[in-house]
Amino acid sequence: MVILTMVLMRYAVLAPLIGRVGVILTSGSGEEIPMSLQFPWYDFLLLVTATVFITAGGYVINDYFDIKTDLINKGKVIVGTKVPRRQAIMWHNLLNIAGVAIGFYISSRAGYIWLGALFLVVSGLLYFYSASYKRQFLIGNLVVALLTALVPMLVVFYEWPALYRYYSLNAIRLPEFNFIIYWIGGFSLFAFITNLIREIIKDIEDFEGDLAYGRNTIPVVIGILSAKIVSVSLILIMVVLLYLIWHFYISDTITLVYITAAIVLPLLYVIYKLLKSSERRELHHASSMMKIVMISGIFYSVVVKIILTWNLF
C-alpha cells in the first residue's frame, strides 16, 4: 500500500499536474515548455524504501506488543511462534535504523537534512503507539491515521524543494505550483478519515481482547453501539466532503461516477454491515471493505492522470 500510494502520487498525480504548467527557461529558445519532475527517480526510490522500512518496523513491534490480545482476538500470533521475540526486536531495530539512515541521506541530498528527523519521529511514534498509545482512548487511532495521511505528503515534501530550486534558477519567471499541495493534501485527508474509520471498526472487532487486557479503546470506553455511531458519523462526513470537493473544485462527470461507484457505495455498504453486525465475522467484513475503499481512493490518482492526459474535464 505504501509503495503503491507513493508511486501513484508521483507519477499519476504530480507529474501530469505540473506538466500542465508552462515555463520559459533562461537557457531555452524562448518557447514555453511544460514543467517536469525534478526530484531524481533514484532518490525517490530511496524515499520509498525508507518509508517501507519504517512501516515494516512498526508492524513488527506492533505484533511484538500484541501477542496476548492477538491470541484472544485472532487465535494466532507470529511473534513468539514462527518468529522468536528476540529476533523480532532485532528486525525492528534493523528496519528502523536502515529507514532513518536512508531518510537522512536523501534529505541531505535534497538540501534539507533536517527533513530526515521526520523519519526518526515517525519511528518513535510507531514504537510508542504499540507500547502505549493504542491502549489510550482515541490517541492511538489518531496517531495511525495521521501517519497514514503522511505517506502521500512525503512525495510533496521532497518534490517541492527540487521544483523550487530548479525553476527559481532556470526559469524566466517562477511558476506557481501551490496547487500540488492541495491535490496531494486531498488524498491525505481521505487517507486520514478512512483510516480512522477502519481503526475504530477494528477496535470494535477486537473488543474482547482489548477489554480483557484493560485497553481504553473507543468501544471499551463508550461502548460498542456508541463506537458504531462514531464510525457511521465519520463515514457520512466523508461522503459529504467528497461531494463538496467535487462540486466546488473538480466538477467533471468521470470523477462523479468514480467516487459514487468506487467509494460512496462501498461506504454505504460498510454502514449497513456495521449497523446489522452482531459477530466478529461481519465486523471483519466491514473492516476489509474499508480497506477496499482506501485502495479505491488511491486509484483515483489513475483517473486523475487519464483526465489530465486526455483533457476530459
Protein backbone atom coordinates (compact mmCIF):
# COMPACT_ATOMS: atom_id res chain seq x y z
CA MET A 1 0.00 0.00 0.00
CA VAL A 2 2.84 2.38 0.86
CA ILE A 3 4.70 1.70 -2.38
CA LEU A 4 1.52 1.93 -4.46
CA THR A 5 0.48 5.20 -2.82
CA MET A 6 3.84 6.94 -3.25
CA VAL A 7 4.38 5.78 -6.84
CA LEU A 8 0.87 6.84 -7.91
CA MET A 9 1.12 10.20 -6.13
CA ARG A 10 4.35 10.98 -8.00
CA TYR A 11 3.63 9.62 -11.48
CA ALA A 12 -0.18 9.70 -11.74
CA VAL A 13 -0.86 12.98 -9.91
CA LEU A 14 2.22 15.20 -9.58
CA ALA A 15 3.77 14.50 -12.99
CA PRO A 16 0.64 15.25 -15.10
CA LEU A 17 -0.35 18.21 -12.89
CA ILE A 18 2.95 20.06 -13.17
CA GLY A 19 3.14 19.02 -16.82
CA ARG A 20 0.20 21.34 -17.47
CA VAL A 21 2.21 24.35 -16.21
CA GLY A 22 4.30 26.07 -18.86
CA VAL A 23 7.68 27.73 -18.18
CA ILE A 24 10.24 29.57 -20.25
CA LEU A 25 13.79 28.53 -19.43
CA THR A 26 16.56 31.14 -19.43
CA SER A 27 18.75 28.83 -21.50
CA GLY A 28 16.00 27.86 -23.92
CA SER A 29 14.70 29.17 -27.22
CA GLY A 30 12.12 31.40 -25.57
CA GLU A 31 9.29 28.97 -26.14
CA GLU A 32 7.15 27.78 -23.27
CA ILE A 33 7.70 24.17 -22.25
CA PRO A 34 5.87 22.02 -19.66
CA MET A 35 7.33 21.61 -16.19
CA SER A 36 8.70 18.21 -15.20
CA LEU A 37 9.61 16.36 -12.02
CA GLN A 38 12.97 17.41 -10.59
CA PHE A 39 13.46 15.10 -7.61
CA PRO A 40 15.64 12.30 -9.12
CA TRP A 41 13.91 8.94 -9.58
CA TYR A 42 16.72 7.11 -7.76
CA ASP A 43 16.32 9.39 -4.73
CA PHE A 44 12.57 8.81 -4.91
CA LEU A 45 13.26 5.06 -4.86
CA LEU A 46 15.29 5.55 -1.69
CA LEU A 47 12.47 7.64 -0.21
CA VAL A 48 10.01 4.81 -0.83
CA THR A 49 12.49 2.29 0.60
CA ALA A 50 12.98 4.32 3.78
CA THR A 51 9.21 4.67 4.23
CA VAL A 52 8.64 0.94 3.71
CA PHE A 53 11.39 0.06 6.21
CA ILE A 54 9.94 2.35 8.89
CA THR A 55 6.43 0.97 8.23
CA ALA A 56 7.65 -2.63 8.38
CA GLY A 57 9.46 -1.91 11.64
CA GLY A 58 6.20 -0.53 13.02
CA TYR A 59 4.34 -3.71 12.10
CA VAL A 60 6.99 -5.87 13.76
CA ILE A 61 6.91 -4.00 17.08
CA ASN A 62 3.10 -3.93 16.98
CA ASP A 63 2.99 -7.73 16.69
CA TYR A 64 5.56 -7.94 19.49
CA PHE A 65 3.38 -6.00 21.93
CA ASP A 66 0.09 -7.58 20.77
CA ILE A 67 0.90 -11.23 21.46
CA LYS A 68 -1.61 -11.65 24.31
CA THR A 69 -4.50 -9.74 22.74
CA ASP A 70 -3.96 -11.34 19.32
CA LEU A 71 -4.28 -14.77 20.91
CA ILE A 72 -7.78 -13.79 22.06
CA ASN A 73 -8.84 -11.71 19.04
CA LYS A 74 -7.26 -13.72 16.23
CA GLY A 75 -6.41 -17.04 17.84
CA LYS A 76 -2.88 -16.98 16.42
CA VAL A 77 0.33 -14.96 16.55
CA ILE A 78 3.54 -14.79 14.55
CA VAL A 79 5.94 -13.30 17.09
CA GLY A 80 6.68 -15.89 19.76
CA THR A 81 5.75 -18.82 17.50
CA LYS A 82 7.12 -18.58 13.94
CA VAL A 83 9.47 -15.71 14.85
CA PRO A 84 11.24 -15.65 18.26
CA ARG A 85 10.65 -12.50 20.34
CA ARG A 86 14.35 -11.61 20.40
CA GLN A 87 14.57 -11.97 16.61
CA ALA A 88 11.51 -9.71 16.20
CA ILE A 89 13.19 -6.98 18.25
CA MET A 90 16.34 -7.38 16.15
CA TRP A 91 14.35 -6.93 12.92
CA HIS A 92 12.52 -3.93 14.40
CA ASN A 93 15.84 -2.27 15.24
CA LEU A 94 17.46 -3.08 11.89
CA LEU A 95 14.48 -1.86 9.84
CA ASN A 96 14.25 1.38 11.80
CA ILE A 97 17.98 2.11 11.74
CA ALA A 98 18.06 1.49 7.98
CA GLY A 99 14.93 3.57 7.38
CA VAL A 100 16.13 6.53 9.44
CA ALA A 101 19.63 6.39 7.92
CA ILE A 102 18.24 6.38 4.36
CA GLY A 103 15.84 9.16 5.34
CA PHE A 104 18.67 11.42 6.49
CA TYR A 105 20.72 10.54 3.40
CA ILE A 106 18.03 11.52 0.88
CA SER A 107 17.20 14.61 2.96
CA SER A 108 20.80 15.75 2.76
CA ARG A 109 20.79 15.14 -1.00
CA ALA A 110 17.62 17.21 -1.24
CA GLY A 111 19.40 20.04 0.60
CA TYR A 112 17.21 19.81 3.72
CA ILE A 113 18.90 17.35 6.06
CA TRP A 114 16.52 18.33 8.87
CA LEU A 115 13.74 16.54 6.95
CA GLY A 116 15.44 13.32 7.99
CA ALA A 117 14.24 13.96 11.55
CA LEU A 118 10.75 13.19 10.25
CA PHE A 119 11.70 9.53 9.83
CA LEU A 120 13.14 9.47 13.35
CA VAL A 121 9.94 10.96 14.79
CA VAL A 122 7.72 8.53 12.86
CA SER A 123 9.83 5.60 14.01
CA GLY A 124 9.41 6.74 17.62
CA LEU A 125 5.67 7.32 17.22
CA LEU A 126 5.16 3.81 15.84
CA TYR A 127 7.06 2.34 18.79
CA PHE A 128 5.14 4.31 21.41
CA TYR A 129 1.88 3.61 19.56
CA SER A 130 2.43 -0.13 20.02
CA ALA A 131 3.80 0.21 23.56
CA SER A 132 1.35 2.77 24.92
CA TYR A 133 -0.78 4.97 22.64
CA LYS A 134 -3.04 2.20 21.32
CA ARG A 135 -4.09 1.45 24.89
CA GLN A 136 -5.27 5.04 25.37
CA PHE A 137 -8.62 6.45 24.36
CA LEU A 138 -8.55 7.78 20.76
CA ILE A 139 -4.83 8.70 20.79
CA GLY A 140 -3.70 5.50 19.10
CA ASN A 141 -6.36 5.80 16.39
CA LEU A 142 -5.35 9.39 15.64
CA VAL A 143 -1.63 8.56 15.53
CA VAL A 144 -2.13 5.77 12.99
CA ALA A 145 -4.48 7.90 10.87
CA LEU A 146 -2.02 10.83 10.87
CA LEU A 147 0.92 8.61 9.90
CA THR A 148 -1.13 7.07 7.09
CA ALA A 149 -2.01 10.56 5.85
CA LEU A 150 1.68 11.47 5.93
CA VAL A 151 2.61 8.89 3.27
CA PRO A 152 1.20 10.85 0.26
CA MET A 153 2.58 14.14 1.65
CA LEU A 154 6.11 12.73 1.75
CA VAL A 155 6.12 12.81 -2.04
CA VAL A 156 5.38 16.56 -1.96
CA PHE A 157 7.86 17.27 0.84
CA TYR A 158 10.73 16.07 -1.35
CA GLU A 159 9.49 17.11 -4.81
CA TRP A 160 8.59 20.69 -3.85
CA PRO A 161 12.15 21.81 -2.88
CA ALA A 162 13.56 20.24 -6.04
CA LEU A 163 10.99 22.02 -8.22
CA TYR A 164 11.51 25.35 -6.48
CA ARG A 165 15.31 25.16 -6.61
CA TYR A 166 15.45 24.22 -10.30
CA TYR A 167 12.84 26.62 -11.69
CA SER A 168 13.82 29.56 -9.49
CA LEU A 169 17.28 29.35 -11.07
CA ASN A 170 16.45 28.28 -14.61
CA ALA A 171 13.06 29.81 -15.44
CA ILE A 172 12.48 33.41 -16.50
CA ARG A 173 9.52 33.54 -14.13
CA LEU A 174 8.99 31.19 -11.21
CA PRO A 175 5.66 29.42 -11.84
CA GLU A 176 3.02 28.97 -9.17
CA PHE A 177 2.72 25.36 -8.04
CA ASN A 178 0.94 25.60 -4.69
CA PHE A 179 -1.87 23.58 -6.29
CA ILE A 180 0.13 20.36 -5.89
CA ILE A 181 -0.21 20.67 -2.11
CA TYR A 182 -3.98 20.98 -2.44
CA TRP A 183 -4.23 17.91 -4.65
CA ILE A 184 -1.98 15.65 -2.58
CA GLY A 185 -3.48 17.14 0.57
CA GLY A 186 -6.88 15.93 -0.63
CA PHE A 187 -5.57 12.39 -0.89
CA SER A 188 -4.01 12.73 2.57
CA LEU A 189 -7.28 13.93 4.10
CA PHE A 190 -9.08 10.98 2.53
CA ALA A 191 -6.42 8.61 3.90
CA PHE A 192 -6.73 10.15 7.37
CA ILE A 193 -10.51 9.87 7.66
CA THR A 194 -10.86 6.42 6.07
CA ASN A 195 -8.02 5.00 8.16
CA LEU A 196 -9.53 6.48 11.33
CA ILE A 197 -12.83 4.80 10.48
CA ARG A 198 -11.13 1.47 9.84
CA GLU A 199 -9.15 1.68 13.10
CA ILE A 200 -12.35 2.22 15.09
CA ILE A 201 -14.04 -0.71 13.33
CA LYS A 202 -11.02 -2.90 14.09
CA ASP A 203 -11.23 -1.85 17.74
CA ILE A 204 -14.88 -2.93 17.79
CA GLU A 205 -13.82 -6.24 16.22
CA ASP A 206 -11.07 -6.66 18.87
CA PHE A 207 -13.30 -5.63 21.77
CA GLU A 208 -12.94 -8.87 23.76
CA GLY A 209 -9.14 -8.93 23.82
CA ASP A 210 -8.84 -5.21 24.49
CA LEU A 211 -11.33 -5.41 27.35
CA ALA A 212 -9.56 -8.42 28.87
CA TYR A 213 -6.21 -6.59 28.98
CA GLY A 214 -7.51 -3.18 30.05
CA ARG A 215 -7.09 -1.23 26.84
CA ASN A 216 -9.07 2.01 26.77
CA THR A 217 -10.11 1.81 23.13
CA ILE A 218 -13.17 3.70 21.90
CA PRO A 219 -15.60 0.72 22.11
CA VAL A 220 -14.24 -0.25 25.55
CA VAL A 221 -14.72 3.28 26.92
CA ILE A 222 -18.00 4.36 25.29
CA GLY A 223 -19.47 1.01 24.32
CA ILE A 224 -19.81 -0.91 21.05
CA LEU A 225 -23.03 0.82 19.97
CA SER A 226 -21.59 4.30 20.51
CA ALA A 227 -18.41 3.30 18.66
CA LYS A 228 -20.55 2.17 15.73
CA ILE A 229 -22.36 5.52 15.77
CA VAL A 230 -19.00 7.33 15.69
CA SER A 231 -17.88 5.21 12.72
CA VAL A 232 -21.13 5.80 10.82
CA SER A 233 -20.93 9.55 11.52
CA LEU A 234 -17.36 9.71 10.16
CA ILE A 235 -18.43 7.78 7.05
CA LEU A 236 -21.27 10.25 6.41
CA ILE A 237 -18.87 13.18 6.91
CA MET A 238 -16.52 11.54 4.39
CA VAL A 239 -19.33 11.16 1.84
CA VAL A 240 -20.40 14.81 2.25
CA LEU A 241 -16.79 16.03 1.92
CA LEU A 242 -16.28 14.01 -1.25
CA TYR A 243 -19.26 15.57 -2.97
CA LEU A 244 -18.46 19.07 -1.70
CA ILE A 245 -14.90 18.86 -3.01
CA TRP A 246 -16.20 17.52 -6.32
CA HIS A 247 -18.79 20.31 -6.60
CA PHE A 248 -16.52 23.22 -5.75
CA TYR A 249 -13.14 22.14 -7.16
CA ILE A 250 -13.44 19.36 -9.77
CA SER A 251 -16.94 19.03 -11.26
CA ASP A 252 -16.22 16.53 -14.04
CA THR A 253 -18.56 13.64 -14.79
CA ILE A 254 -15.87 10.94 -14.70
CA THR A 255 -14.89 11.85 -11.14
CA LEU A 256 -18.53 11.94 -10.04
CA VAL A 257 -19.16 8.45 -11.43
CA TYR A 258 -15.93 7.09 -9.93
CA ILE A 259 -16.38 8.41 -6.39
CA THR A 260 -20.03 7.29 -6.37
CA ALA A 261 -19.40 3.76 -7.65
CA ALA A 262 -15.97 3.01 -6.19
CA ILE A 263 -16.07 4.91 -2.89
CA VAL A 264 -19.52 6.12 -1.75
CA LEU A 265 -21.49 2.93 -2.47
CA PRO A 266 -18.91 0.74 -0.66
CA LEU A 267 -19.00 3.20 2.26
CA LEU A 268 -22.78 2.88 2.44
CA TYR A 269 -22.35 -0.89 2.44
CA VAL A 270 -19.95 -0.54 5.39
CA ILE A 271 -22.66 1.40 7.25
CA TYR A 272 -25.11 -1.42 6.54
CA LYS A 273 -22.69 -4.09 7.79
CA LEU A 274 -21.88 -2.06 10.90
CA LEU A 275 -25.48 -1.47 11.88
CA LYS A 276 -26.51 -5.10 11.44
CA SER A 277 -23.30 -6.72 12.72
CA SER A 278 -23.63 -8.93 15.74
CA GLU A 279 -20.48 -11.04 15.40
CA ARG A 280 -16.78 -10.65 14.58
CA ARG A 281 -17.11 -12.06 11.05
CA GLU A 282 -19.41 -9.23 9.96
CA LEU A 283 -17.18 -6.61 11.60
CA HIS A 284 -14.16 -8.11 9.85
CA HIS A 285 -16.07 -7.88 6.57
CA ALA A 286 -16.73 -4.16 7.23
CA SER A 287 -13.04 -3.61 8.04
CA SER A 288 -12.00 -5.38 4.83
CA MET A 289 -14.45 -3.25 2.84
CA MET A 290 -12.84 -0.11 4.32
CA LYS A 291 -9.50 -1.34 3.00
CA ILE A 292 -11.08 -1.65 -0.46
CA VAL A 293 -12.39 1.92 -0.12
CA MET A 294 -8.88 3.11 0.75
CA ILE A 295 -7.43 1.35 -2.30
CA SER A 296 -10.17 2.89 -4.48
CA GLY A 297 -9.20 6.30 -3.14
CA ILE A 298 -5.58 5.70 -4.07
CA PHE A 299 -6.54 4.53 -7.57
CA TYR A 300 -8.46 7.74 -8.17
CA SER A 301 -4.97 9.06 -8.96
CA VAL A 302 -5.07 6.95 -12.13
CA VAL A 303 -8.37 8.60 -13.02
CA VAL A 304 -6.71 11.99 -12.48
CA LYS A 305 -3.92 11.05 -14.87
CA ILE A 306 -6.39 9.88 -17.53
CA ILE A 307 -8.46 13.07 -17.19
CA LEU A 308 -5.42 15.35 -17.40
CA THR A 309 -3.74 13.41 -20.22
CA TRP A 310 -6.83 13.32 -22.42
CA ASN A 311 -8.31 16.69 -21.35
CA LEU A 312 -11.56 15.03 -20.24
CA PHE A 313 -12.56 17.67 -17.65
